[in-house]
Amino acid sequence: MRVQLELDESFADIVNQIKTAAGSPKMKYSEFFDVAIGFLNWGVKQIEEGRIIASVDENADTYTQITMPLFDRIQQKRKKSIPPTAVPAAAQSTAATASS
């Protein structure tokens, strides 16, 4: 499949900054977008499995969840497809303890 993109100057600058930061300023755009789509595909699969995508600050022992509309839509679709009875056992025991 052939895809043709028209990038405005600010978006092209971002792409070039990322390529330079990666030490590959001469990377072909086709390779760049192949890597980007591969990374996005991995993220989608993680969310479909019920995981979150996050950036971890090991020094501060904190994380920041990565959010974007695409991931939000996938999470909502996943939540709608899980039957109410499919609550993990740990959550069921926590709920039972809280109601006692």
N, C-alpha and C. Protein backbone atom coordinates (compact mmCIF):
# COMPACT_ATOMS: atom_id res chain seq x y z
N MET A 1 0.85 -1.16 0.00
CA MET A 1 0.00 0.00 0.00
C MET A 1 0.91 1.24 0.00
N ARG A 2 0.53 2.18 -0.76
CA ARG A 2 1.27 3.44 -0.82
C ARG A 2 0.47 4.50 -0.09
N VAL A 3 1.14 5.23 0.79
CA VAL A 3 0.50 6.31 1.55
C VAL A 3 1.30 7.58 1.28
N GLN A 4 0.60 8.64 1.00
CA GLN A 4 1.27 9.92 0.78
C GLN A 4 0.75 10.90 1.82
N LEU A 5 1.68 11.53 2.53
CA LEU A 5 1.32 12.47 3.58
C LEU A 5 1.80 13.87 3.22
N GLU A 6 1.02 14.82 3.62
CA GLU A 6 1.44 16.21 3.50
C GLU A 6 1.54 16.75 4.92
N LEU A 7 2.76 17.08 5.34
CA LEU A 7 3.00 17.55 6.70
C LEU A 7 3.18 19.06 6.71
N ASP A 8 2.51 19.71 7.66
CA ASP A 8 2.78 21.15 7.78
C ASP A 8 4.17 21.31 8.41
N GLU A 9 4.70 22.51 8.35
CA GLU A 9 6.08 22.75 8.76
C GLU A 9 6.33 22.39 10.23
N SER A 10 5.39 22.70 11.11
CA SER A 10 5.61 22.41 12.53
C SER A 10 5.65 20.91 12.79
N PHE A 11 4.80 20.15 12.09
CA PHE A 11 4.80 18.70 12.26
C PHE A 11 6.09 18.10 11.69
N ALA A 12 6.52 18.60 10.54
CA ALA A 12 7.77 18.13 9.94
C ALA A 12 8.95 18.43 10.86
N ASP A 13 8.92 19.58 11.53
CA ASP A 13 9.98 19.91 12.50
C ASP A 13 10.01 18.91 13.64
N ILE A 14 8.83 18.52 14.14
CA ILE A 14 8.76 17.54 15.23
C ILE A 14 9.35 16.21 14.77
N VAL A 15 8.98 15.77 13.58
CA VAL A 15 9.51 14.51 13.05
C VAL A 15 11.03 14.59 12.96
N ASN A 16 11.54 15.68 12.44
CA ASN A 16 13.00 15.82 12.31
C ASN A 16 13.70 15.90 13.66
N GLN A 17 13.07 16.54 14.65
CA GLN A 17 13.64 16.59 16.00
C GLN A 17 13.72 15.18 16.60
N ILE A 18 12.68 14.39 16.39
CA ILE A 18 12.68 13.02 16.92
C ILE A 18 13.77 12.19 16.23
N LYS A 19 13.88 12.31 14.92
CA LYS A 19 14.92 11.58 14.19
C LYS A 19 16.31 11.96 14.69
N THR A 20 16.53 13.25 14.93
CA THR A 20 17.82 13.72 15.43
C THR A 20 18.07 13.21 16.85
N ALA A 21 17.05 13.28 17.71
CA ALA A 21 17.19 12.79 19.09
C ALA A 21 17.53 11.30 19.11
N ALA A 22 17.04 10.56 18.12
CA ALA A 22 17.31 9.12 18.03
C ALA A 22 18.66 8.83 17.39
N GLY A 23 19.37 9.89 17.01
CA GLY A 23 20.67 9.69 16.39
C GLY A 23 20.59 9.26 14.94
N SER A 24 19.43 9.48 14.32
CA SER A 24 19.23 9.07 12.93
C SER A 24 18.60 10.20 12.11
N PRO A 25 19.27 11.34 12.02
CA PRO A 25 18.66 12.47 11.31
C PRO A 25 18.39 12.20 9.84
N LYS A 26 19.08 11.22 9.27
CA LYS A 26 18.88 10.91 7.84
C LYS A 26 17.96 9.71 7.62
N MET A 27 17.30 9.26 8.69
CA MET A 27 16.36 8.14 8.58
C MET A 27 15.30 8.48 7.53
N LYS A 28 14.98 7.51 6.71
CA LYS A 28 13.94 7.71 5.70
C LYS A 28 12.60 7.88 6.42
N TYR A 29 11.74 8.70 5.84
CA TYR A 29 10.42 8.90 6.42
C TYR A 29 9.63 7.59 6.47
N SER A 30 9.82 6.73 5.48
CA SER A 30 9.10 5.45 5.49
C SER A 30 9.51 4.61 6.70
N GLU A 31 10.80 4.62 7.03
CA GLU A 31 11.27 3.88 8.21
C GLU A 31 10.75 4.52 9.49
N PHE A 32 10.77 5.85 9.53
CA PHE A 32 10.27 6.57 10.70
C PHE A 32 8.82 6.21 10.99
N PHE A 33 7.97 6.25 9.96
CA PHE A 33 6.56 5.96 10.17
C PHE A 33 6.31 4.48 10.42
N ASP A 34 7.19 3.62 9.90
CA ASP A 34 7.09 2.19 10.21
C ASP A 34 7.29 1.96 11.70
N VAL A 35 8.30 2.63 12.27
CA VAL A 35 8.56 2.52 13.71
C VAL A 35 7.39 3.11 14.50
N ALA A 36 6.91 4.27 14.08
CA ALA A 36 5.80 4.93 14.79
C ALA A 36 4.54 4.07 14.78
N ILE A 37 4.20 3.48 13.64
CA ILE A 37 3.01 2.63 13.56
C ILE A 37 3.21 1.36 14.38
N GLY A 38 4.42 0.82 14.37
CA GLY A 38 4.71 -0.36 15.20
C GLY A 38 4.52 -0.06 16.68
N PHE A 39 4.99 1.10 17.12
CA PHE A 39 4.84 1.49 18.52
C PHE A 39 3.37 1.71 18.86
N LEU A 40 2.64 2.36 18.00
CA LEU A 40 1.21 2.58 18.23
C LEU A 40 0.46 1.25 18.26
N ASN A 41 0.81 0.34 17.38
CA ASN A 41 0.18 -0.97 17.36
C ASN A 41 0.42 -1.71 18.67
N TRP A 42 1.64 -1.63 19.19
CA TRP A 42 1.96 -2.26 20.48
C TRP A 42 1.08 -1.65 21.58
N GLY A 43 0.96 -0.32 21.58
CA GLY A 43 0.15 0.35 22.59
C GLY A 43 -1.30 -0.07 22.53
N VAL A 44 -1.85 -0.18 21.33
CA VAL A 44 -3.24 -0.62 21.17
C VAL A 44 -3.41 -2.02 21.74
N LYS A 45 -2.49 -2.91 21.45
CA LYS A 45 -2.59 -4.28 21.97
C LYS A 45 -2.54 -4.31 23.50
N GLN A 46 -1.70 -3.46 24.09
CA GLN A 46 -1.61 -3.40 25.55
C GLN A 46 -2.94 -2.97 26.15
N ILE A 47 -3.57 -1.96 25.57
CA ILE A 47 -4.84 -1.46 26.08
C ILE A 47 -5.94 -2.49 25.89
N GLU A 48 -5.91 -3.18 24.76
CA GLU A 48 -6.90 -4.24 24.53
C GLU A 48 -6.78 -5.35 25.57
N GLU A 49 -5.58 -5.54 26.11
CA GLU A 49 -5.35 -6.55 27.14
C GLU A 49 -5.66 -6.03 28.55
N GLY A 50 -6.11 -4.78 28.63
CA GLY A 50 -6.48 -4.22 29.93
C GLY A 50 -5.34 -3.53 30.65
N ARG A 51 -4.24 -3.31 29.98
CA ARG A 51 -3.10 -2.64 30.59
C ARG A 51 -3.16 -1.14 30.33
N ILE A 52 -2.32 -0.39 31.01
CA ILE A 52 -2.17 1.03 30.71
C ILE A 52 -0.79 1.24 30.10
N ILE A 53 -0.63 2.33 29.39
CA ILE A 53 0.66 2.72 28.84
C ILE A 53 1.13 3.88 29.72
N ALA A 54 2.35 3.79 30.22
CA ALA A 54 2.82 4.82 31.16
C ALA A 54 4.30 5.09 31.00
N SER A 55 4.69 6.26 31.45
CA SER A 55 6.09 6.65 31.56
C SER A 55 6.44 6.54 33.04
N VAL A 56 7.50 5.80 33.34
CA VAL A 56 7.88 5.56 34.73
C VAL A 56 9.11 6.40 35.09
N ASP A 57 9.00 7.11 36.21
CA ASP A 57 10.15 7.84 36.77
C ASP A 57 10.68 6.96 37.90
N GLU A 58 11.70 6.20 37.61
CA GLU A 58 12.24 5.25 38.59
C GLU A 58 12.83 5.95 39.81
N ASN A 59 13.39 7.15 39.62
CA ASN A 59 13.98 7.87 40.74
C ASN A 59 12.93 8.34 41.74
N ALA A 60 11.78 8.77 41.23
CA ALA A 60 10.72 9.26 42.11
C ALA A 60 9.70 8.17 42.43
N ASP A 61 9.86 7.00 41.84
CA ASP A 61 8.93 5.88 42.02
C ASP A 61 7.50 6.30 41.70
N THR A 62 7.35 6.98 40.57
CA THR A 62 6.03 7.42 40.11
C THR A 62 5.89 7.10 38.63
N TYR A 63 4.66 7.19 38.16
CA TYR A 63 4.43 7.01 36.73
C TYR A 63 3.36 7.98 36.27
N THR A 64 3.39 8.26 34.97
CA THR A 64 2.38 9.11 34.34
C THR A 64 1.75 8.30 33.22
N GLN A 65 0.44 8.10 33.30
CA GLN A 65 -0.25 7.35 32.26
C GLN A 65 -0.33 8.17 30.98
N ILE A 66 -0.06 7.53 29.87
CA ILE A 66 -0.16 8.19 28.57
C ILE A 66 -1.61 8.07 28.11
N THR A 67 -2.20 9.21 27.81
CA THR A 67 -3.58 9.20 27.32
C THR A 67 -3.64 9.90 25.97
N MET A 68 -4.54 9.43 25.15
CA MET A 68 -4.83 10.07 23.87
C MET A 68 -6.21 9.56 23.45
N PRO A 69 -6.91 10.33 22.65
CA PRO A 69 -8.28 9.93 22.27
C PRO A 69 -8.37 8.51 21.71
N LEU A 70 -7.41 8.09 20.92
CA LEU A 70 -7.44 6.74 20.36
C LEU A 70 -7.43 5.69 21.47
N PHE A 71 -6.54 5.85 22.45
CA PHE A 71 -6.46 4.90 23.56
C PHE A 71 -7.74 4.94 24.39
N ASP A 72 -8.28 6.13 24.60
CA ASP A 72 -9.53 6.26 25.36
C ASP A 72 -10.67 5.50 24.69
N ARG A 73 -10.77 5.61 23.37
CA ARG A 73 -11.84 4.89 22.64
C ARG A 73 -11.67 3.39 22.76
N ILE A 74 -10.44 2.91 22.70
CA ILE A 74 -10.20 1.47 22.83
C ILE A 74 -10.55 1.00 24.23
N GLN A 75 -10.20 1.79 25.25
CA GLN A 75 -10.55 1.43 26.63
C GLN A 75 -12.06 1.37 26.81
N GLN A 76 -12.78 2.34 26.26
CA GLN A 76 -14.24 2.35 26.37
C GLN A 76 -14.84 1.14 25.67
N LYS A 77 -14.36 0.82 24.49
CA LYS A 77 -14.84 -0.34 23.75
C LYS A 77 -14.59 -1.62 24.55
N ARG A 78 -13.41 -1.71 25.17
CA ARG A 78 -13.07 -2.89 25.96
C ARG A 78 -14.00 -3.02 27.17
N LYS A 79 -14.26 -1.90 27.86
CA LYS A 79 -15.13 -1.93 29.03
C LYS A 79 -16.54 -2.38 28.67
N LYS A 80 -17.03 -1.96 27.51
CA LYS A 80 -18.38 -2.35 27.07
C LYS A 80 -18.45 -3.83 26.72
N SER A 81 -17.33 -4.41 26.31
CA SER A 81 -17.34 -5.81 25.88
C SER A 81 -17.12 -6.79 27.03
N ILE A 82 -16.76 -6.30 28.22
CA ILE A 82 -16.52 -7.18 29.36
C ILE A 82 -17.82 -7.33 30.14
N PRO A 83 -18.33 -8.56 30.29
CA PRO A 83 -19.56 -8.76 31.05
C PRO A 83 -19.38 -8.34 32.51
N PRO A 84 -20.43 -7.82 33.16
CA PRO A 84 -20.32 -7.37 34.55
C PRO A 84 -19.84 -8.46 35.51
N THR A 85 -20.07 -9.72 35.18
CA THR A 85 -19.65 -10.81 36.06
C THR A 85 -18.18 -11.13 35.93
N ALA A 86 -17.50 -10.50 34.98
CA ALA A 86 -16.08 -10.78 34.75
C ALA A 86 -15.19 -9.90 35.60
N VAL A 87 -15.56 -9.67 36.86
CA VAL A 87 -14.76 -8.87 37.77
C VAL A 87 -13.66 -9.76 38.34
N PRO A 88 -12.41 -9.30 38.32
CA PRO A 88 -11.31 -10.12 38.86
C PRO A 88 -11.57 -10.51 40.32
N ALA A 89 -11.09 -11.67 40.71
CA ALA A 89 -11.31 -12.18 42.06
C ALA A 89 -10.81 -11.21 43.13
N ALA A 90 -9.67 -10.57 42.92
CA ALA A 90 -9.14 -9.63 43.89
C ALA A 90 -10.12 -8.48 44.14
N ALA A 91 -10.74 -7.99 43.07
CA ALA A 91 -11.70 -6.90 43.21
C ALA A 91 -12.95 -7.37 43.94
N GLN A 92 -13.35 -8.63 43.71
CA GLN A 92 -14.53 -9.16 44.40
C GLN A 92 -14.27 -9.27 45.89
N SER A 93 -13.08 -9.73 46.28
CA SER A 93 -12.80 -9.90 47.72
C SER A 93 -12.67 -8.53 48.38
N THR A 94 -12.13 -7.53 47.66
CA THR A 94 -12.04 -6.18 48.21
C THR A 94 -13.43 -5.61 48.41
N ALA A 95 -14.32 -5.83 47.45
CA ALA A 95 -15.69 -5.33 47.55
C ALA A 95 -16.42 -6.01 48.71
N ALA A 96 -16.19 -7.30 48.91
CA ALA A 96 -16.84 -8.02 50.01
C ALA A 96 -16.35 -7.51 51.36
N THR A 97 -15.05 -7.23 51.46
CA THR A 97 -14.47 -6.73 52.69
C THR A 97 -15.00 -5.33 53.00
N ALA A 98 -15.12 -4.50 51.98
CA ALA A 98 -15.60 -3.14 52.17
C ALA A 98 -17.06 -3.10 52.62
N SER A 99 -17.87 -4.08 52.19
CA SER A 99 -19.27 -4.06 52.57
C SER A 99 -19.52 -4.71 53.94
N SER A 100 -18.50 -5.35 54.51
CA SER A 100 -18.66 -6.02 55.81
C SER A 100 -18.60 -5.05 56.95
